Amino acid sequence: MSMVFVEYKIAESRREGYLAWAGKLQEDPRVEVYEGEGQPNLFVEVWRGLPGAAVEGFHAVREGRSPQPDLPQPWRELPSFVEGGMPKIRIWAFRKVK
């Protein structure tokens, strides 16, 4: 199982819509969304307990390849909120050290 961090800055003009979207996203128990303290509109999603296929799904969307079926559907809407779109979304995946 892996942990994925997704970091991005949203457009101020899209904040209200983004917060509604983020609320729906957090209905998935695997994700929590945080906003930067002192850095308005900078957000980090923390995804926990993801199988390899889900992690690959995040990278597929980020790289413009076909999304994997394990990727949460709402996440595909994220680029519309981000300043600069998909190229400005940063993704880091980690797995637990054994």
Foldseek 3Di string as FASTA:
>chain_A
DKKKKKKAFFDPVCVVVVVVLQVVVVVPVQWDKDADDVHPRIIMIIGPDDDPLQVVQVVCLLVVHDGGPNDDPSVNPPQVGGDVGSVRMDMDMDDDDD
